[in-house]
Amino acid sequence: MASVSSAGERSYLADARYRFWLAHAPTGELLGFIASRDARHVFHLFVDRGFQRRGLARTLWRCMLAEAGPASAEEPYTVNASLNAVPAYRALGFVESGPAVRRHGVAFTPMRCTRTRG
């Protein structure tokens, strides 16, 4: 939980290894965001529940791809997908790269993607 606390998030924002892309409503409300670590690992991808299944995650993913550059077999994009999010990441082109694991009380599936377009 410490990694997603306010203090934890502030430390990521201050760290040059992390990059964030935000989606805002015209009113300024935050609708979602994606964050990468070292330009290849999807560290966070969150979309407000009311805006899910409308293409916002794909749009954020495309923004990240445009800036981070193409992936390859030697340098894929990776993510530790929460078990609920595996289908969403599959839709973005990710495939499981190992079995689901539980670490520090959090269950996730490691995934990778070599697609260069969302």
N, C-alpha and C. Protein backbone atom coordinates (compact mmCIF):
# COMPACT_ATOMS: atom_id res chain seq x y z
N MET A 1 0.82 -1.19 0.00
CA MET A 1 0.00 0.00 0.00
C MET A 1 0.86 1.26 0.00
N ALA A 2 2.05 1.17 0.55
CA ALA A 2 2.91 2.35 0.60
C ALA A 2 3.27 2.84 -0.79
N SER A 3 3.37 1.90 -1.76
CA SER A 3 3.77 2.31 -3.11
C SER A 3 2.70 3.14 -3.82
N VAL A 4 1.44 3.05 -3.37
CA VAL A 4 0.37 3.84 -3.99
C VAL A 4 -0.18 4.89 -3.03
N SER A 5 0.53 5.15 -1.95
CA SER A 5 0.13 6.21 -1.03
C SER A 5 0.45 7.56 -1.65
N SER A 6 -0.03 8.62 -1.06
CA SER A 6 0.28 9.97 -1.56
C SER A 6 1.79 10.20 -1.58
N ALA A 7 2.47 9.79 -0.53
CA ALA A 7 3.92 9.97 -0.47
C ALA A 7 4.62 9.14 -1.54
N GLY A 8 4.14 7.92 -1.73
CA GLY A 8 4.72 7.06 -2.77
C GLY A 8 4.55 7.66 -4.15
N GLU A 9 3.35 8.12 -4.45
CA GLU A 9 3.09 8.73 -5.76
C GLU A 9 3.93 9.99 -5.96
N ARG A 10 4.08 10.81 -4.92
CA ARG A 10 4.92 12.00 -5.03
C ARG A 10 6.36 11.62 -5.38
N SER A 11 6.84 10.53 -4.81
CA SER A 11 8.22 10.12 -5.10
C SER A 11 8.36 9.69 -6.56
N TYR A 12 7.33 9.05 -7.13
CA TYR A 12 7.39 8.67 -8.55
C TYR A 12 7.37 9.91 -9.43
N LEU A 13 6.54 10.88 -9.08
CA LEU A 13 6.45 12.11 -9.87
C LEU A 13 7.79 12.85 -9.89
N ALA A 14 8.55 12.73 -8.83
CA ALA A 14 9.84 13.43 -8.74
C ALA A 14 10.99 12.64 -9.37
N ASP A 15 10.75 11.38 -9.70
CA ASP A 15 11.80 10.50 -10.20
C ASP A 15 11.80 10.52 -11.73
N ALA A 16 12.93 10.84 -12.34
CA ALA A 16 13.04 10.95 -13.81
C ALA A 16 12.78 9.62 -14.52
N ARG A 17 12.84 8.51 -13.82
CA ARG A 17 12.57 7.21 -14.45
C ARG A 17 11.09 7.02 -14.79
N TYR A 18 10.23 7.82 -14.18
CA TYR A 18 8.78 7.68 -14.35
C TYR A 18 8.24 8.81 -15.22
N ARG A 19 7.29 8.46 -16.08
CA ARG A 19 6.63 9.44 -16.95
C ARG A 19 5.13 9.20 -16.86
N PHE A 20 4.35 10.26 -16.76
CA PHE A 20 2.90 10.18 -16.61
C PHE A 20 2.19 10.88 -17.77
N TRP A 21 1.09 10.30 -18.24
CA TRP A 21 0.20 10.91 -19.22
C TRP A 21 -1.19 10.95 -18.58
N LEU A 22 -1.82 12.11 -18.61
CA LEU A 22 -3.10 12.31 -17.93
C LEU A 22 -4.20 12.61 -18.94
N ALA A 23 -5.41 12.17 -18.61
CA ALA A 23 -6.59 12.50 -19.40
C ALA A 23 -7.54 13.28 -18.51
N HIS A 24 -7.91 14.48 -18.96
CA HIS A 24 -8.81 15.35 -18.19
C HIS A 24 -10.08 15.62 -18.97
N ALA A 25 -11.18 15.78 -18.26
CA ALA A 25 -12.43 16.26 -18.85
C ALA A 25 -12.28 17.75 -19.10
N PRO A 26 -13.13 18.33 -19.96
CA PRO A 26 -13.07 19.78 -20.17
C PRO A 26 -13.21 20.58 -18.87
N THR A 27 -13.84 19.99 -17.87
CA THR A 27 -14.01 20.66 -16.58
C THR A 27 -12.74 20.60 -15.73
N GLY A 28 -11.73 19.85 -16.19
CA GLY A 28 -10.50 19.70 -15.44
C GLY A 28 -10.44 18.44 -14.61
N GLU A 29 -11.55 17.72 -14.50
CA GLU A 29 -11.60 16.48 -13.72
C GLU A 29 -10.66 15.44 -14.33
N LEU A 30 -9.87 14.78 -13.48
CA LEU A 30 -8.97 13.72 -13.93
C LEU A 30 -9.80 12.48 -14.26
N LEU A 31 -9.72 12.00 -15.49
CA LEU A 31 -10.48 10.83 -15.93
C LEU A 31 -9.65 9.56 -15.93
N GLY A 32 -8.34 9.71 -16.07
CA GLY A 32 -7.47 8.55 -16.09
C GLY A 32 -6.03 8.95 -16.31
N PHE A 33 -5.13 7.99 -16.11
CA PHE A 33 -3.72 8.25 -16.39
C PHE A 33 -2.98 6.95 -16.60
N ILE A 34 -1.88 7.06 -17.31
CA ILE A 34 -0.96 5.94 -17.49
C ILE A 34 0.42 6.44 -17.08
N ALA A 35 1.21 5.56 -16.50
CA ALA A 35 2.57 5.91 -16.08
C ALA A 35 3.51 4.80 -16.52
N SER A 36 4.68 5.21 -16.98
CA SER A 36 5.70 4.22 -17.35
C SER A 36 6.92 4.40 -16.46
N ARG A 37 7.65 3.32 -16.32
CA ARG A 37 8.94 3.35 -15.64
C ARG A 37 9.99 2.93 -16.65
N ASP A 38 11.01 3.70 -16.79
CA ASP A 38 12.11 3.41 -17.72
C ASP A 38 11.61 3.23 -19.15
N ALA A 39 10.54 3.92 -19.51
CA ALA A 39 9.98 3.96 -20.87
C ALA A 39 9.46 2.62 -21.39
N ARG A 40 9.53 1.55 -20.63
CA ARG A 40 9.11 0.25 -21.13
C ARG A 40 8.14 -0.49 -20.21
N HIS A 41 8.04 -0.10 -18.96
CA HIS A 41 7.17 -0.82 -18.03
C HIS A 41 5.96 0.05 -17.70
N VAL A 42 4.76 -0.48 -17.96
CA VAL A 42 3.55 0.23 -17.58
C VAL A 42 3.41 0.08 -16.08
N PHE A 43 3.60 1.17 -15.39
CA PHE A 43 3.61 1.16 -13.94
C PHE A 43 2.21 1.34 -13.37
N HIS A 44 1.43 2.23 -13.98
CA HIS A 44 0.04 2.48 -13.59
C HIS A 44 -0.79 2.68 -14.85
N LEU A 45 -2.01 2.21 -14.83
CA LEU A 45 -3.01 2.56 -15.84
C LEU A 45 -4.35 2.52 -15.14
N PHE A 46 -4.91 3.68 -14.91
CA PHE A 46 -6.19 3.80 -14.22
C PHE A 46 -7.13 4.66 -15.04
N VAL A 47 -8.38 4.24 -15.12
CA VAL A 47 -9.43 5.02 -15.76
C VAL A 47 -10.61 5.07 -14.80
N ASP A 48 -11.15 6.25 -14.60
CA ASP A 48 -12.32 6.42 -13.75
C ASP A 48 -13.41 5.44 -14.19
N ARG A 49 -14.05 4.82 -13.23
CA ARG A 49 -15.06 3.78 -13.52
C ARG A 49 -16.11 4.28 -14.52
N GLY A 50 -16.53 5.51 -14.41
CA GLY A 50 -17.55 6.05 -15.30
C GLY A 50 -17.08 6.24 -16.73
N PHE A 51 -15.76 6.14 -16.97
CA PHE A 51 -15.22 6.33 -18.31
C PHE A 51 -14.55 5.08 -18.85
N GLN A 52 -14.70 3.96 -18.16
CA GLN A 52 -14.14 2.71 -18.64
C GLN A 52 -14.96 2.19 -19.83
N ARG A 53 -14.30 1.41 -20.67
CA ARG A 53 -14.92 0.78 -21.84
C ARG A 53 -15.35 1.81 -22.88
N ARG A 54 -14.64 2.94 -22.91
CA ARG A 54 -14.91 3.99 -23.90
C ARG A 54 -13.67 4.32 -24.73
N GLY A 55 -12.61 3.55 -24.57
CA GLY A 55 -11.40 3.77 -25.35
C GLY A 55 -10.37 4.67 -24.70
N LEU A 56 -10.63 5.13 -23.48
CA LEU A 56 -9.70 6.03 -22.83
C LEU A 56 -8.37 5.35 -22.49
N ALA A 57 -8.41 4.12 -22.02
CA ALA A 57 -7.16 3.39 -21.72
C ALA A 57 -6.34 3.22 -22.99
N ARG A 58 -7.00 2.90 -24.11
CA ARG A 58 -6.30 2.74 -25.38
C ARG A 58 -5.67 4.08 -25.82
N THR A 59 -6.39 5.16 -25.63
CA THR A 59 -5.86 6.47 -25.99
C THR A 59 -4.64 6.81 -25.15
N LEU A 60 -4.71 6.55 -23.86
CA LEU A 60 -3.55 6.77 -22.99
C LEU A 60 -2.37 5.90 -23.42
N TRP A 61 -2.65 4.64 -23.72
CA TRP A 61 -1.62 3.70 -24.17
C TRP A 61 -0.96 4.22 -25.44
N ARG A 62 -1.75 4.72 -26.39
CA ARG A 62 -1.20 5.26 -27.63
C ARG A 62 -0.32 6.47 -27.36
N CYS A 63 -0.71 7.30 -26.42
CA CYS A 63 0.12 8.46 -26.05
C CYS A 63 1.48 7.99 -25.52
N MET A 64 1.46 6.98 -24.67
CA MET A 64 2.71 6.43 -24.14
C MET A 64 3.55 5.85 -25.27
N LEU A 65 2.93 5.08 -26.16
CA LEU A 65 3.67 4.48 -27.28
C LEU A 65 4.32 5.54 -28.16
N ALA A 66 3.59 6.61 -28.43
CA ALA A 66 4.10 7.67 -29.30
C ALA A 66 5.37 8.30 -28.75
N GLU A 67 5.44 8.39 -27.45
CA GLU A 67 6.60 9.03 -26.84
C GLU A 67 7.71 8.03 -26.53
N ALA A 68 7.35 6.82 -26.14
CA ALA A 68 8.35 5.84 -25.69
C ALA A 68 9.02 5.12 -26.85
N GLY A 69 8.40 5.09 -28.01
CA GLY A 69 9.01 4.45 -29.17
C GLY A 69 8.62 2.99 -29.29
N PRO A 70 9.01 2.38 -30.41
CA PRO A 70 8.59 1.02 -30.70
C PRO A 70 9.20 -0.01 -29.75
N ALA A 71 8.42 -1.06 -29.55
CA ALA A 71 8.89 -2.19 -28.75
C ALA A 71 9.52 -3.21 -29.68
N SER A 72 10.18 -4.17 -29.11
CA SER A 72 10.76 -5.28 -29.88
C SER A 72 10.81 -6.50 -28.99
N ALA A 73 11.17 -7.63 -29.58
CA ALA A 73 11.30 -8.85 -28.79
C ALA A 73 12.37 -8.67 -27.72
N GLU A 74 13.42 -7.91 -28.05
CA GLU A 74 14.51 -7.69 -27.10
C GLU A 74 14.16 -6.61 -26.08
N GLU A 75 13.24 -5.72 -26.44
CA GLU A 75 12.89 -4.60 -25.56
C GLU A 75 11.36 -4.40 -25.57
N PRO A 76 10.65 -5.36 -24.98
CA PRO A 76 9.18 -5.27 -24.99
C PRO A 76 8.67 -4.29 -23.93
N TYR A 77 7.41 -3.95 -24.06
CA TYR A 77 6.72 -3.27 -22.97
C TYR A 77 6.30 -4.35 -21.99
N THR A 78 6.31 -4.03 -20.71
CA THR A 78 5.90 -5.00 -19.69
C THR A 78 4.90 -4.35 -18.74
N VAL A 79 4.17 -5.19 -18.04
CA VAL A 79 3.24 -4.73 -17.02
C VAL A 79 3.02 -5.88 -16.04
N ASN A 80 2.80 -5.56 -14.80
CA ASN A 80 2.34 -6.53 -13.81
C ASN A 80 0.85 -6.25 -13.62
N ALA A 81 0.03 -6.93 -14.41
CA ALA A 81 -1.40 -6.63 -14.48
C ALA A 81 -2.16 -7.23 -13.31
N SER A 82 -2.98 -6.40 -12.67
CA SER A 82 -3.86 -6.96 -11.65
C SER A 82 -4.71 -8.02 -12.34
N LEU A 83 -5.15 -9.00 -11.59
CA LEU A 83 -5.89 -10.11 -12.19
C LEU A 83 -7.14 -9.62 -12.92
N ASN A 84 -7.78 -8.59 -12.40
CA ASN A 84 -8.98 -8.03 -13.05
C ASN A 84 -8.64 -7.36 -14.37
N ALA A 85 -7.43 -6.85 -14.51
CA ALA A 85 -7.06 -6.05 -15.68
C ALA A 85 -6.46 -6.86 -16.82
N VAL A 86 -6.22 -8.15 -16.62
CA VAL A 86 -5.60 -8.97 -17.67
C VAL A 86 -6.36 -8.86 -19.00
N PRO A 87 -7.70 -8.97 -19.03
CA PRO A 87 -8.39 -8.84 -20.32
C PRO A 87 -8.18 -7.47 -20.98
N ALA A 88 -8.14 -6.42 -20.21
CA ALA A 88 -7.91 -5.09 -20.77
C ALA A 88 -6.52 -5.00 -21.39
N TYR A 89 -5.51 -5.55 -20.73
CA TYR A 89 -4.16 -5.52 -21.29
C TYR A 89 -4.06 -6.41 -22.52
N ARG A 90 -4.76 -7.55 -22.53
CA ARG A 90 -4.79 -8.38 -23.74
C ARG A 90 -5.33 -7.58 -24.91
N ALA A 91 -6.38 -6.78 -24.66
CA ALA A 91 -6.98 -5.97 -25.72
C ALA A 91 -5.99 -4.93 -26.26
N LEU A 92 -5.00 -4.56 -25.46
CA LEU A 92 -3.97 -3.61 -25.89
C LEU A 92 -2.81 -4.30 -26.58
N GLY A 93 -2.82 -5.64 -26.62
CA GLY A 93 -1.77 -6.39 -27.29
C GLY A 93 -0.80 -7.11 -26.38
N PHE A 94 -1.02 -7.08 -25.09
CA PHE A 94 -0.14 -7.77 -24.14
C PHE A 94 -0.49 -9.26 -24.10
N VAL A 95 0.50 -10.08 -23.79
CA VAL A 95 0.29 -11.51 -23.56
C VAL A 95 0.96 -11.87 -22.23
N GLU A 96 0.44 -12.88 -21.60
CA GLU A 96 1.01 -13.32 -20.33
C GLU A 96 2.43 -13.81 -20.57
N SER A 97 3.34 -13.43 -19.69
CA SER A 97 4.73 -13.88 -19.80
C SER A 97 5.11 -14.80 -18.65
N GLY A 98 4.14 -15.12 -17.80
CA GLY A 98 4.37 -16.02 -16.69
C GLY A 98 3.06 -16.21 -15.94
N PRO A 99 3.06 -17.10 -14.98
CA PRO A 99 1.84 -17.34 -14.20
C PRO A 99 1.56 -16.19 -13.23
N ALA A 100 0.33 -16.12 -12.80
CA ALA A 100 -0.04 -15.13 -11.78
C ALA A 100 0.78 -15.38 -10.52
N VAL A 101 1.19 -14.31 -9.87
CA VAL A 101 1.97 -14.41 -8.64
C VAL A 101 1.36 -13.49 -7.59
N ARG A 102 1.73 -13.72 -6.36
CA ARG A 102 1.32 -12.85 -5.25
C ARG A 102 2.59 -12.38 -4.57
N ARG A 103 2.74 -11.05 -4.51
CA ARG A 103 3.92 -10.47 -3.87
C ARG A 103 3.47 -9.31 -3.00
N HIS A 104 3.90 -9.30 -1.76
CA HIS A 104 3.52 -8.24 -0.81
C HIS A 104 2.00 -8.12 -0.70
N GLY A 105 1.30 -9.25 -0.80
CA GLY A 105 -0.14 -9.26 -0.66
C GLY A 105 -0.91 -8.84 -1.90
N VAL A 106 -0.21 -8.61 -3.01
CA VAL A 106 -0.86 -8.18 -4.24
C VAL A 106 -0.69 -9.27 -5.30
N ALA A 107 -1.82 -9.68 -5.91
CA ALA A 107 -1.77 -10.69 -6.96
C ALA A 107 -1.74 -9.99 -8.32
N PHE A 108 -0.87 -10.48 -9.21
CA PHE A 108 -0.77 -9.90 -10.56
C PHE A 108 -0.24 -10.95 -11.52
N THR A 109 -0.45 -10.66 -12.81
CA THR A 109 0.06 -11.51 -13.88
C THR A 109 1.10 -10.71 -14.66
N PRO A 110 2.32 -11.20 -14.78
CA PRO A 110 3.31 -10.49 -15.60
C PRO A 110 2.93 -10.65 -17.08
N MET A 111 3.00 -9.54 -17.81
CA MET A 111 2.64 -9.56 -19.22
C MET A 111 3.66 -8.75 -20.00
N ARG A 112 3.70 -8.99 -21.32
CA ARG A 112 4.62 -8.26 -22.19
C ARG A 112 3.94 -7.97 -23.51
N CYS A 113 4.44 -6.96 -24.20
CA CYS A 113 3.87 -6.55 -25.47
C CYS A 113 4.98 -6.09 -26.40
N THR A 114 4.99 -6.59 -27.62
CA THR A 114 5.96 -6.16 -28.61
C THR A 114 5.28 -5.36 -29.73
N ARG A 115 3.99 -5.11 -29.58
CA ARG A 115 3.27 -4.28 -30.57
C ARG A 115 3.77 -2.86 -30.51
N THR A 116 3.78 -2.21 -31.63
CA THR A 116 4.21 -0.83 -31.66
C THR A 116 3.06 0.12 -31.92
N ARG A 117 1.86 -0.42 -32.03
CA ARG A 117 0.66 0.42 -32.20
C ARG A 117 -0.40 -0.09 -31.25
N GLY A 118 -1.22 0.83 -30.76
CA GLY A 118 -2.30 0.48 -29.84
C GLY A 118 -3.52 0.19 -30.60
